[in-house]
Amino acid sequence: MADSVQKAVFFDVDDTLYDHLSPLRSALQEAVGLADDMPYEDIYYRFRYYSDLLSEEKNLSAVPEKEALADMRRRRFMLALAEFGIFLNEKEAEAAQTAYVNRQFQIQPFHGAMELMETLTHSGIKVGLITNGPAKHQQKKLKALQVHRYIPEDMIFVSGGVGYAKPDVRLFEHVNAITKTSPEHSYYIGDSWRNDVVGAIKAGWTVLWYNHRNAEAESDHRPHFIVHNYEEIKDSLLSIAGLQKV
């Protein structure tokens, strides 16, 4: 590193470390019978919108109640698909959710993600994860991605285990306190405008918006960098975190 200041890079998980759309597409084709030519990326955006909105309304990403969480998961399918003229009842939405959960643990990291974590670690950068969701559920995804080969357990923060959920600034403050890092030397990479960009900016972190789906900004907040793949993420971190090219 160029100086003795401890820098830290944290990643989001869903649709940042792996393709979150893939298990959703497979679940909708399996459980609902949607055709191959449906606008899955548009459906995904609305699915994520309702998932985040309903979770925030009831604080489900922090410490969710079992039935409230189950209801949110059904409703996000029903509300998202209704916008595309597909109307599910609760039983059908539950079947879609079951198929979706089963597919979520059959995932692979984006190309370059794990290699970047390894490069950062070898360069003396602290590397960690911050993700919303129930602790056990998210840990199963992390196990499928084999992230523990690259990131120690004490650098992984799941909202369901912490008690705060993105975009709550207290989650980022908690991470800084536990990892003995500072906001001005903390970098966050995530795809969600609402959770990742807004939350990390408010916490005073440097934000790399991983906009690999070419989404539109949802507010006047300004991420420090907009990146579309892991090569761009690596190049941006090389320029702002003082890393040397390898």
Protein backbone atom coordinates (compact mmCIF):
# COMPACT_ATOMS: atom_id res chain seq x y z
CA MET A 1 0.00 0.00 0.00
CA ALA A 2 1.07 3.60 -0.62
CA ASP A 3 0.68 4.55 3.06
CA SER A 4 0.06 3.03 6.48
CA VAL A 5 -3.66 3.91 6.57
CA GLN A 6 -5.82 0.79 6.82
CA LYS A 7 -8.13 0.68 3.81
CA ALA A 8 -11.13 -1.65 3.58
CA VAL A 9 -13.23 -2.83 0.65
CA PHE A 10 -16.66 -4.36 1.26
CA PHE A 11 -18.90 -6.06 -1.27
CA ASP A 12 -22.65 -6.58 -1.41
CA VAL A 13 -23.71 -10.17 -2.20
CA ASP A 14 -26.96 -10.50 -4.20
CA ASP A 15 -26.41 -9.46 -7.83
CA THR A 16 -22.96 -8.16 -6.90
CA LEU A 17 -21.03 -11.36 -6.23
CA TYR A 18 -23.26 -13.53 -8.42
CA ASP A 19 -26.06 -13.26 -11.01
CA HIS A 20 -29.22 -12.87 -8.90
CA LEU A 21 -31.43 -12.93 -12.01
CA SER A 22 -30.49 -16.49 -12.98
CA PRO A 23 -32.25 -18.31 -10.09
CA LEU A 24 -35.30 -16.04 -10.47
CA ARG A 25 -35.61 -16.79 -14.17
CA SER A 26 -35.32 -20.52 -13.57
CA ALA A 27 -37.88 -20.40 -10.76
CA LEU A 28 -40.42 -18.50 -12.85
CA GLN A 29 -40.03 -20.89 -15.75
CA GLU A 30 -40.33 -23.92 -13.48
CA ALA A 31 -43.13 -22.85 -11.14
CA VAL A 32 -45.12 -20.36 -13.24
CA GLY A 33 -44.37 -21.66 -16.73
CA LEU A 34 -43.11 -18.39 -18.15
CA ALA A 35 -41.74 -18.50 -21.70
CA ASP A 36 -38.11 -17.96 -22.63
CA ASP A 37 -38.86 -14.64 -24.34
CA MET A 38 -40.35 -12.90 -21.30
CA PRO A 39 -38.60 -9.61 -20.27
CA TYR A 40 -36.85 -11.24 -17.31
CA GLU A 41 -34.53 -8.34 -16.60
CA ASP A 42 -37.50 -5.97 -16.30
CA ILE A 43 -39.30 -8.49 -14.08
CA TYR A 44 -36.18 -8.76 -11.96
CA TYR A 45 -36.05 -4.99 -11.42
CA ARG A 46 -39.64 -4.93 -10.19
CA PHE A 47 -39.10 -8.04 -8.07
CA ARG A 48 -36.12 -6.40 -6.36
CA TYR A 49 -38.07 -3.15 -6.00
CA TYR A 50 -40.94 -4.83 -4.15
CA SER A 51 -38.58 -7.02 -2.13
CA ASP A 52 -36.67 -3.97 -0.89
CA LEU A 53 -39.79 -1.85 -0.41
CA LEU A 54 -41.74 -4.44 1.55
CA SER A 55 -38.69 -5.39 3.61
CA GLU A 56 -38.02 -1.77 4.51
CA GLU A 57 -41.66 -1.14 5.43
CA LYS A 58 -41.58 -3.91 8.02
CA ASN A 59 -37.85 -3.93 8.83
CA LEU A 60 -37.66 -7.50 7.58
CA SER A 61 -34.03 -7.37 6.47
CA ALA A 62 -32.87 -6.83 10.04
CA VAL A 63 -34.72 -9.22 12.38
CA PRO A 64 -37.69 -10.65 10.46
CA GLU A 65 -40.65 -12.48 11.93
CA LYS A 66 -41.16 -15.80 10.18
CA GLU A 67 -44.74 -15.25 8.94
CA ALA A 68 -44.13 -11.62 7.98
CA LEU A 69 -41.09 -12.70 5.97
CA ALA A 70 -43.07 -15.45 4.24
CA ASP A 71 -45.84 -12.98 3.39
CA MET A 72 -43.35 -10.50 1.93
CA ARG A 73 -41.80 -13.22 -0.23
CA ARG A 74 -45.19 -14.17 -1.67
CA ARG A 75 -46.29 -10.59 -2.21
CA ARG A 76 -43.17 -9.57 -4.10
CA PHE A 77 -43.89 -12.26 -6.70
CA MET A 78 -47.55 -11.28 -6.93
CA LEU A 79 -46.91 -7.53 -7.21
CA ALA A 80 -43.99 -7.77 -9.62
CA LEU A 81 -45.65 -10.19 -12.04
CA ALA A 82 -48.96 -8.30 -11.95
CA GLU A 83 -47.18 -5.43 -13.70
CA PHE A 84 -46.60 -7.80 -16.63
CA GLY A 85 -50.17 -9.10 -16.76
CA ILE A 86 -49.45 -12.30 -14.80
CA PHE A 87 -51.64 -12.67 -11.73
CA LEU A 88 -50.66 -15.23 -9.12
CA ASN A 89 -52.67 -16.34 -6.13
CA GLU A 90 -50.90 -16.97 -2.82
CA LYS A 91 -50.47 -20.69 -3.48
CA GLU A 92 -48.85 -20.04 -6.85
CA ALA A 93 -46.62 -17.35 -5.36
CA GLU A 94 -45.55 -19.77 -2.62
CA ALA A 95 -44.63 -22.34 -5.27
CA ALA A 96 -42.55 -19.72 -7.09
CA GLN A 97 -40.80 -18.80 -3.85
CA THR A 98 -39.99 -22.44 -3.10
CA ALA A 99 -38.50 -22.93 -6.56
CA TYR A 100 -36.57 -19.67 -6.19
CA VAL A 101 -35.04 -20.67 -2.84
CA ASN A 102 -33.98 -24.04 -4.22
CA ARG A 103 -32.22 -22.35 -7.14
CA GLN A 104 -30.49 -19.72 -4.99
CA PHE A 105 -27.98 -22.20 -3.67
CA GLN A 106 -26.94 -23.32 -7.16
CA ILE A 107 -24.94 -20.21 -7.95
CA GLN A 108 -21.50 -19.25 -9.22
CA PRO A 109 -19.59 -16.00 -8.59
CA PHE A 110 -19.19 -13.44 -11.34
CA HIS A 111 -16.00 -13.80 -13.34
CA GLY A 112 -13.18 -11.99 -11.58
CA ALA A 113 -14.94 -11.52 -8.23
CA MET A 114 -12.96 -13.96 -6.13
CA GLU A 115 -9.70 -13.13 -7.89
CA LEU A 116 -10.19 -9.47 -6.99
CA MET A 117 -10.80 -10.33 -3.34
CA GLU A 118 -7.57 -12.32 -3.32
CA THR A 119 -5.64 -9.46 -4.94
CA LEU A 120 -6.99 -6.94 -2.42
CA THR A 121 -6.14 -9.15 0.53
CA HIS A 122 -2.59 -9.75 -0.70
CA SER A 123 -2.21 -5.97 -1.09
CA GLY A 124 -2.96 -5.40 2.59
CA ILE A 125 -6.56 -4.27 2.11
CA LYS A 126 -9.21 -5.54 4.51
CA VAL A 127 -11.93 -7.29 2.52
CA GLY A 128 -15.45 -8.05 3.70
CA LEU A 129 -19.11 -8.45 2.84
CA ILE A 130 -22.24 -6.55 3.90
CA THR A 131 -25.56 -8.09 2.89
CA ASN A 132 -29.22 -7.82 3.80
CA GLY A 133 -31.31 -10.84 4.69
CA PRO A 134 -31.84 -13.56 7.28
CA ALA A 135 -28.49 -14.75 8.60
CA LYS A 136 -28.90 -18.49 7.91
CA HIS A 137 -30.31 -17.90 4.43
CA GLN A 138 -27.47 -15.61 3.38
CA GLN A 139 -24.84 -17.86 4.92
CA LYS A 140 -26.07 -20.72 2.72
CA LYS A 141 -25.46 -18.57 -0.36
CA LEU A 142 -22.00 -17.67 0.89
CA LYS A 143 -21.24 -21.34 1.39
CA ALA A 144 -22.36 -22.07 -2.18
CA LEU A 145 -20.09 -19.28 -3.43
CA GLN A 146 -17.21 -20.55 -1.23
CA VAL A 147 -16.44 -17.01 -0.08
CA HIS A 148 -14.94 -18.23 3.18
CA ARG A 149 -11.88 -19.27 1.19
CA TYR A 150 -11.22 -15.56 0.70
CA ILE A 151 -12.96 -13.68 3.52
CA PRO A 152 -12.79 -14.44 7.25
CA GLU A 153 -16.04 -14.86 9.18
CA ASP A 154 -15.45 -11.73 11.24
CA MET A 155 -15.47 -9.62 8.06
CA ILE A 156 -18.92 -10.85 6.97
CA PHE A 157 -21.92 -8.81 8.12
CA VAL A 158 -25.48 -10.04 7.52
CA SER A 159 -28.29 -7.67 8.52
CA GLY A 160 -30.29 -10.47 10.14
CA GLY A 161 -27.41 -11.15 12.48
CA VAL A 162 -26.49 -7.53 13.15
CA GLY A 163 -29.94 -6.03 13.70
CA TYR A 164 -29.59 -3.19 11.19
CA ALA A 165 -30.25 -3.40 7.45
CA LYS A 166 -29.02 -1.37 4.50
CA PRO A 167 -29.58 1.50 3.80
CA ASP A 168 -29.53 2.20 7.56
CA VAL A 169 -26.33 4.14 8.26
CA ARG A 170 -26.02 2.31 11.59
CA LEU A 171 -25.09 -0.89 9.77
CA PHE A 172 -22.12 0.80 8.10
CA GLU A 173 -21.15 2.47 11.37
CA HIS A 174 -21.28 -0.93 13.08
CA VAL A 175 -18.99 -2.40 10.43
CA ASN A 176 -16.46 0.40 10.88
CA ALA A 177 -16.52 -0.03 14.65
CA ILE A 178 -16.10 -3.81 14.60
CA THR A 179 -13.39 -3.85 11.91
CA LYS A 180 -11.56 -0.81 13.31
CA THR A 181 -11.80 1.02 10.00
CA SER A 182 -12.91 4.56 9.17
CA PRO A 183 -15.56 5.82 6.70
CA GLU A 184 -13.04 7.92 4.75
CA HIS A 185 -10.97 4.81 4.00
CA SER A 186 -13.87 2.40 3.41
CA TYR A 187 -15.05 1.43 -0.07
CA TYR A 188 -18.35 -0.25 -0.91
CA ILE A 189 -19.33 -2.11 -4.08
CA GLY A 190 -22.99 -2.93 -4.66
CA ASP A 191 -25.71 -3.02 -7.30
CA SER A 192 -28.75 -1.73 -5.39
CA TRP A 193 -29.31 2.03 -5.61
CA ARG A 194 -31.63 2.11 -2.60
CA ASN A 195 -29.57 -0.11 -0.31
CA ASP A 196 -25.97 0.12 -1.47
CA VAL A 197 -25.47 3.52 -3.09
CA VAL A 198 -27.69 5.59 -0.78
CA GLY A 199 -26.72 3.75 2.39
CA ALA A 200 -22.96 3.85 1.87
CA ILE A 201 -22.92 7.48 0.68
CA LYS A 202 -24.84 8.59 3.76
CA ALA A 203 -22.31 6.70 5.89
CA GLY A 204 -19.45 8.68 4.31
CA TRP A 205 -17.97 5.76 2.38
CA THR A 206 -16.59 5.78 -1.16
CA VAL A 207 -19.14 4.03 -3.37
CA LEU A 208 -18.68 2.01 -6.53
CA TRP A 209 -22.10 1.42 -8.07
CA TYR A 210 -21.96 -1.95 -9.82
CA ASN A 211 -24.47 -1.08 -12.52
CA HIS A 212 -24.02 -4.12 -14.71
CA ARG A 213 -27.70 -4.04 -15.73
CA ASN A 214 -27.61 -0.38 -16.84
CA ALA A 215 -30.26 0.72 -14.36
CA GLU A 216 -31.34 4.33 -13.88
CA ALA A 217 -30.37 6.36 -10.82
CA GLU A 218 -33.28 6.64 -8.38
CA SER A 219 -32.29 9.84 -6.53
CA ASP A 220 -29.84 12.75 -6.58
CA HIS A 221 -27.15 10.79 -4.72
CA ARG A 222 -23.89 10.53 -6.64
CA PRO A 223 -21.80 7.34 -6.46
CA HIS A 224 -18.09 8.04 -6.74
CA PHE A 225 -17.66 5.50 -9.54
CA ILE A 226 -20.04 3.64 -11.85
CA VAL A 227 -18.70 0.26 -12.92
CA HIS A 228 -20.14 -2.45 -15.15
CA ASN A 229 -17.87 -5.47 -14.69
CA TYR A 230 -15.14 -6.71 -12.39
CA GLU A 231 -12.35 -5.42 -14.60
CA GLU A 232 -13.74 -1.90 -14.17
CA ILE A 233 -14.12 -2.48 -10.43
CA LYS A 234 -10.48 -3.56 -10.21
CA ASP A 235 -9.26 -0.57 -12.24
CA SER A 236 -11.29 1.86 -10.11
CA LEU A 237 -9.91 0.42 -6.89
CA LEU A 238 -6.38 0.62 -8.30
CA SER A 239 -6.90 4.34 -8.80
CA ILE A 240 -8.65 5.22 -5.54
CA ALA A 241 -7.28 2.76 -3.00
CA GLY A 242 -3.63 3.14 -3.89
CA LEU A 243 -3.15 -0.43 -5.09
CA GLN A 244 -0.37 -1.39 -7.46
CA LYS A 245 -1.21 -3.17 -10.70
CA VAL A 246 -0.55 -6.89 -10.68
